Amino acid sequence: MKRVTVEVVLAFPERQSVRRVDLPAGSTVGDAVVASGLQAPAPARFGVYGKAVPAATVVREGDRVEIYRSPLASTREMRPPNE
């Protein structure tokens, strides 16, 4: 059976965790995240090379699967107050 190797990445401000996983062909982004053992924050969002994708997206050889964290504050909350 054919296999694919992908990287799964979870970044934090102070560090980045990268895991390389080998999966059966036809595996999804969600499968790759589970196989990596990295803890995806809830609710989790994912991307492949910077483009947001659903967890059901089929991965291809060499893909870089990214786990996105929610922002700590909304952009509205971060703006300075109007004077």
N, C-alpha and C. Protein backbone atom coordinates (compact mmCIF):
# COMPACT_ATOMS: atom_id res chain seq x y z
N MET A 1 0.84 -1.18 0.00
CA MET A 1 0.00 0.00 0.00
C MET A 1 0.88 1.24 0.00
N LYS A 2 0.49 2.22 -0.80
CA LYS A 2 1.26 3.46 -0.90
C LYS A 2 1.12 4.28 0.38
N ARG A 3 2.17 5.02 0.73
CA ARG A 3 2.19 5.83 1.94
C ARG A 3 2.62 7.25 1.59
N VAL A 4 2.29 8.19 2.47
CA VAL A 4 2.72 9.58 2.31
C VAL A 4 3.36 10.04 3.63
N THR A 5 4.33 10.91 3.51
CA THR A 5 4.98 11.50 4.68
C THR A 5 4.67 12.99 4.69
N VAL A 6 4.18 13.48 5.83
CA VAL A 6 3.85 14.90 5.98
C VAL A 6 4.43 15.40 7.29
N GLU A 7 4.55 16.72 7.40
CA GLU A 7 4.94 17.36 8.65
C GLU A 7 3.71 17.97 9.28
N VAL A 8 3.61 17.87 10.59
CA VAL A 8 2.53 18.51 11.34
C VAL A 8 3.18 19.52 12.27
N VAL A 9 2.68 20.76 12.26
CA VAL A 9 3.31 21.85 12.99
C VAL A 9 2.30 22.52 13.92
N LEU A 10 2.73 22.77 15.16
CA LEU A 10 1.96 23.55 16.12
C LEU A 10 2.93 24.59 16.68
N ALA A 11 2.61 25.87 16.44
CA ALA A 11 3.53 26.95 16.85
C ALA A 11 2.98 27.70 18.05
N PHE A 12 3.88 28.05 18.94
CA PHE A 12 3.62 28.89 20.10
C PHE A 12 4.54 30.10 20.00
N PRO A 13 4.26 31.19 20.72
CA PRO A 13 5.15 32.35 20.63
C PRO A 13 6.60 32.02 20.96
N GLU A 14 6.82 31.12 21.90
CA GLU A 14 8.19 30.84 22.35
C GLU A 14 8.82 29.61 21.70
N ARG A 15 8.03 28.79 21.02
CA ARG A 15 8.61 27.59 20.39
C ARG A 15 7.66 27.03 19.34
N GLN A 16 8.18 26.08 18.59
CA GLN A 16 7.41 25.42 17.55
C GLN A 16 7.63 23.92 17.67
N SER A 17 6.55 23.15 17.60
CA SER A 17 6.66 21.69 17.60
C SER A 17 6.39 21.18 16.20
N VAL A 18 7.31 20.37 15.69
CA VAL A 18 7.17 19.81 14.34
C VAL A 18 7.32 18.30 14.45
N ARG A 19 6.37 17.59 13.89
CA ARG A 19 6.43 16.12 13.87
C ARG A 19 6.26 15.64 12.44
N ARG A 20 7.09 14.72 12.04
CA ARG A 20 6.97 14.09 10.73
C ARG A 20 6.23 12.77 10.93
N VAL A 21 5.18 12.55 10.14
CA VAL A 21 4.39 11.32 10.26
C VAL A 21 4.27 10.64 8.91
N ASP A 22 4.23 9.32 8.96
CA ASP A 22 4.08 8.48 7.77
C ASP A 22 2.68 7.86 7.84
N LEU A 23 1.89 8.10 6.81
CA LEU A 23 0.48 7.70 6.80
C LEU A 23 0.13 6.93 5.54
N PRO A 24 -0.95 6.13 5.59
CA PRO A 24 -1.43 5.49 4.36
C PRO A 24 -1.95 6.55 3.39
N ALA A 25 -1.76 6.34 2.09
CA ALA A 25 -2.31 7.24 1.09
C ALA A 25 -3.81 7.36 1.30
N GLY A 26 -4.34 8.58 1.12
CA GLY A 26 -5.76 8.81 1.34
C GLY A 26 -6.08 9.32 2.74
N SER A 27 -5.05 9.46 3.59
CA SER A 27 -5.26 9.98 4.94
C SER A 27 -5.60 11.46 4.89
N THR A 28 -6.25 11.94 5.94
CA THR A 28 -6.70 13.33 5.99
C THR A 28 -5.83 14.17 6.92
N VAL A 29 -6.08 15.47 6.87
CA VAL A 29 -5.41 16.39 7.79
C VAL A 29 -5.67 15.96 9.23
N GLY A 30 -6.91 15.61 9.54
CA GLY A 30 -7.25 15.15 10.88
C GLY A 30 -6.48 13.91 11.28
N ASP A 31 -6.32 12.96 10.34
CA ASP A 31 -5.54 11.75 10.61
C ASP A 31 -4.09 12.11 10.93
N ALA A 32 -3.54 13.07 10.19
CA ALA A 32 -2.15 13.47 10.39
C ALA A 32 -1.96 14.10 11.77
N VAL A 33 -2.92 14.94 12.18
CA VAL A 33 -2.82 15.59 13.49
C VAL A 33 -2.87 14.53 14.59
N VAL A 34 -3.79 13.59 14.49
CA VAL A 34 -3.89 12.52 15.50
C VAL A 34 -2.60 11.71 15.54
N ALA A 35 -2.07 11.34 14.38
CA ALA A 35 -0.85 10.53 14.31
C ALA A 35 0.36 11.27 14.88
N SER A 36 0.34 12.61 14.80
CA SER A 36 1.47 13.39 15.30
C SER A 36 1.56 13.39 16.82
N GLY A 37 0.43 13.19 17.48
CA GLY A 37 0.43 13.24 18.93
C GLY A 37 0.40 14.65 19.50
N LEU A 38 0.37 15.66 18.62
CA LEU A 38 0.30 17.04 19.09
C LEU A 38 -1.12 17.34 19.54
N GLN A 39 -1.26 18.10 20.61
CA GLN A 39 -2.57 18.43 21.16
C GLN A 39 -3.13 19.66 20.45
N ALA A 40 -4.14 19.45 19.62
CA ALA A 40 -4.79 20.56 18.92
C ALA A 40 -5.73 21.28 19.88
N PRO A 41 -5.66 22.62 19.93
CA PRO A 41 -6.57 23.35 20.80
C PRO A 41 -8.01 23.23 20.31
N ALA A 42 -8.96 23.31 21.21
CA ALA A 42 -10.37 23.22 20.81
C ALA A 42 -10.95 24.63 20.78
N PRO A 43 -11.72 25.02 19.83
CA PRO A 43 -11.95 24.28 18.58
C PRO A 43 -10.73 24.42 17.68
N ALA A 44 -10.34 23.34 17.07
CA ALA A 44 -9.13 23.34 16.25
C ALA A 44 -9.42 23.82 14.82
N ARG A 45 -8.46 24.54 14.27
CA ARG A 45 -8.49 24.93 12.86
C ARG A 45 -7.19 24.46 12.25
N PHE A 46 -7.22 24.14 10.96
CA PHE A 46 -6.04 23.56 10.31
C PHE A 46 -5.75 24.26 8.99
N GLY A 47 -4.52 24.08 8.53
CA GLY A 47 -4.13 24.60 7.23
C GLY A 47 -3.07 23.72 6.62
N VAL A 48 -2.87 23.89 5.33
CA VAL A 48 -1.78 23.24 4.61
C VAL A 48 -1.03 24.35 3.88
N TYR A 49 0.23 24.53 4.22
CA TYR A 49 1.06 25.60 3.66
C TYR A 49 0.38 26.96 3.74
N GLY A 50 -0.21 27.28 4.90
CA GLY A 50 -0.78 28.60 5.13
C GLY A 50 -2.17 28.82 4.59
N LYS A 51 -2.79 27.83 4.00
CA LYS A 51 -4.15 27.95 3.48
C LYS A 51 -5.08 27.12 4.37
N ALA A 52 -6.09 27.77 4.95
CA ALA A 52 -7.03 27.07 5.83
C ALA A 52 -7.76 25.97 5.07
N VAL A 53 -7.84 24.80 5.69
CA VAL A 53 -8.54 23.65 5.09
C VAL A 53 -9.32 22.91 6.16
N PRO A 54 -10.37 22.18 5.77
CA PRO A 54 -11.09 21.35 6.74
C PRO A 54 -10.26 20.12 7.13
N ALA A 55 -10.58 19.55 8.28
CA ALA A 55 -9.87 18.37 8.77
C ALA A 55 -10.01 17.19 7.81
N ALA A 56 -11.05 17.18 7.00
CA ALA A 56 -11.30 16.07 6.07
C ALA A 56 -10.48 16.16 4.78
N THR A 57 -9.65 17.18 4.63
CA THR A 57 -8.83 17.34 3.44
C THR A 57 -7.79 16.23 3.36
N VAL A 58 -7.68 15.59 2.20
CA VAL A 58 -6.70 14.52 2.00
C VAL A 58 -5.31 15.13 1.84
N VAL A 59 -4.33 14.58 2.57
CA VAL A 59 -2.97 15.09 2.50
C VAL A 59 -2.20 14.44 1.35
N ARG A 60 -1.20 15.18 0.87
CA ARG A 60 -0.34 14.67 -0.20
C ARG A 60 1.11 14.61 0.30
N GLU A 61 1.90 13.83 -0.36
CA GLU A 61 3.30 13.67 0.01
C GLU A 61 3.97 15.03 0.17
N GLY A 62 4.64 15.22 1.32
CA GLY A 62 5.39 16.43 1.57
C GLY A 62 4.60 17.61 2.11
N ASP A 63 3.28 17.45 2.30
CA ASP A 63 2.48 18.56 2.83
C ASP A 63 2.97 18.98 4.21
N ARG A 64 2.75 20.25 4.52
CA ARG A 64 3.02 20.80 5.85
C ARG A 64 1.67 21.14 6.45
N VAL A 65 1.21 20.33 7.37
CA VAL A 65 -0.08 20.51 8.02
C VAL A 65 0.14 21.41 9.24
N GLU A 66 -0.64 22.49 9.32
CA GLU A 66 -0.48 23.45 10.40
C GLU A 66 -1.71 23.42 11.30
N ILE A 67 -1.47 23.43 12.60
CA ILE A 67 -2.55 23.51 13.59
C ILE A 67 -2.59 24.96 14.04
N TYR A 68 -3.75 25.59 13.85
CA TYR A 68 -3.88 27.00 14.21
C TYR A 68 -4.50 27.16 15.58
N ARG A 69 -3.91 28.04 16.38
CA ARG A 69 -4.45 28.37 17.69
C ARG A 69 -5.36 29.59 17.54
N SER A 70 -6.34 29.71 18.42
CA SER A 70 -7.18 30.90 18.43
C SER A 70 -6.37 32.06 18.95
N PRO A 71 -6.63 33.27 18.45
CA PRO A 71 -5.92 34.43 18.99
C PRO A 71 -6.29 34.64 20.45
N LEU A 72 -5.37 35.19 21.22
CA LEU A 72 -5.63 35.45 22.63
C LEU A 72 -6.67 36.55 22.83
N ALA A 73 -6.74 37.47 21.88
CA ALA A 73 -7.73 38.55 21.94
C ALA A 73 -8.13 38.89 20.51
N SER A 74 -9.31 39.42 20.35
CA SER A 74 -9.75 39.81 19.01
C SER A 74 -9.02 41.09 18.60
N THR A 75 -8.96 41.36 17.31
CA THR A 75 -8.30 42.58 16.84
C THR A 75 -9.04 43.80 17.36
N ARG A 76 -10.34 43.71 17.55
CA ARG A 76 -11.11 44.82 18.09
C ARG A 76 -10.66 45.12 19.52
N GLU A 77 -10.43 44.09 20.33
CA GLU A 77 -9.99 44.28 21.71
C GLU A 77 -8.58 44.85 21.79
N MET A 78 -7.77 44.61 20.78
CA MET A 78 -6.38 45.03 20.81
C MET A 78 -6.18 46.47 20.33
N ARG A 79 -7.18 47.04 19.67
CA ARG A 79 -7.05 48.42 19.18
C ARG A 79 -7.07 49.40 20.33
N PRO A 80 -6.30 50.48 20.19
CA PRO A 80 -6.35 51.51 21.24
C PRO A 80 -7.71 52.20 21.21
N PRO A 81 -8.18 52.68 22.33
CA PRO A 81 -9.48 53.37 22.36
C PRO A 81 -9.43 54.66 21.55
N ASN A 82 -10.56 55.00 20.95
CA ASN A 82 -10.64 56.27 20.19
C ASN A 82 -10.65 57.43 21.17
N GLU A 83 -9.93 58.46 20.82
CA GLU A 83 -9.87 59.62 21.71
C GLU A 83 -10.59 60.79 21.09
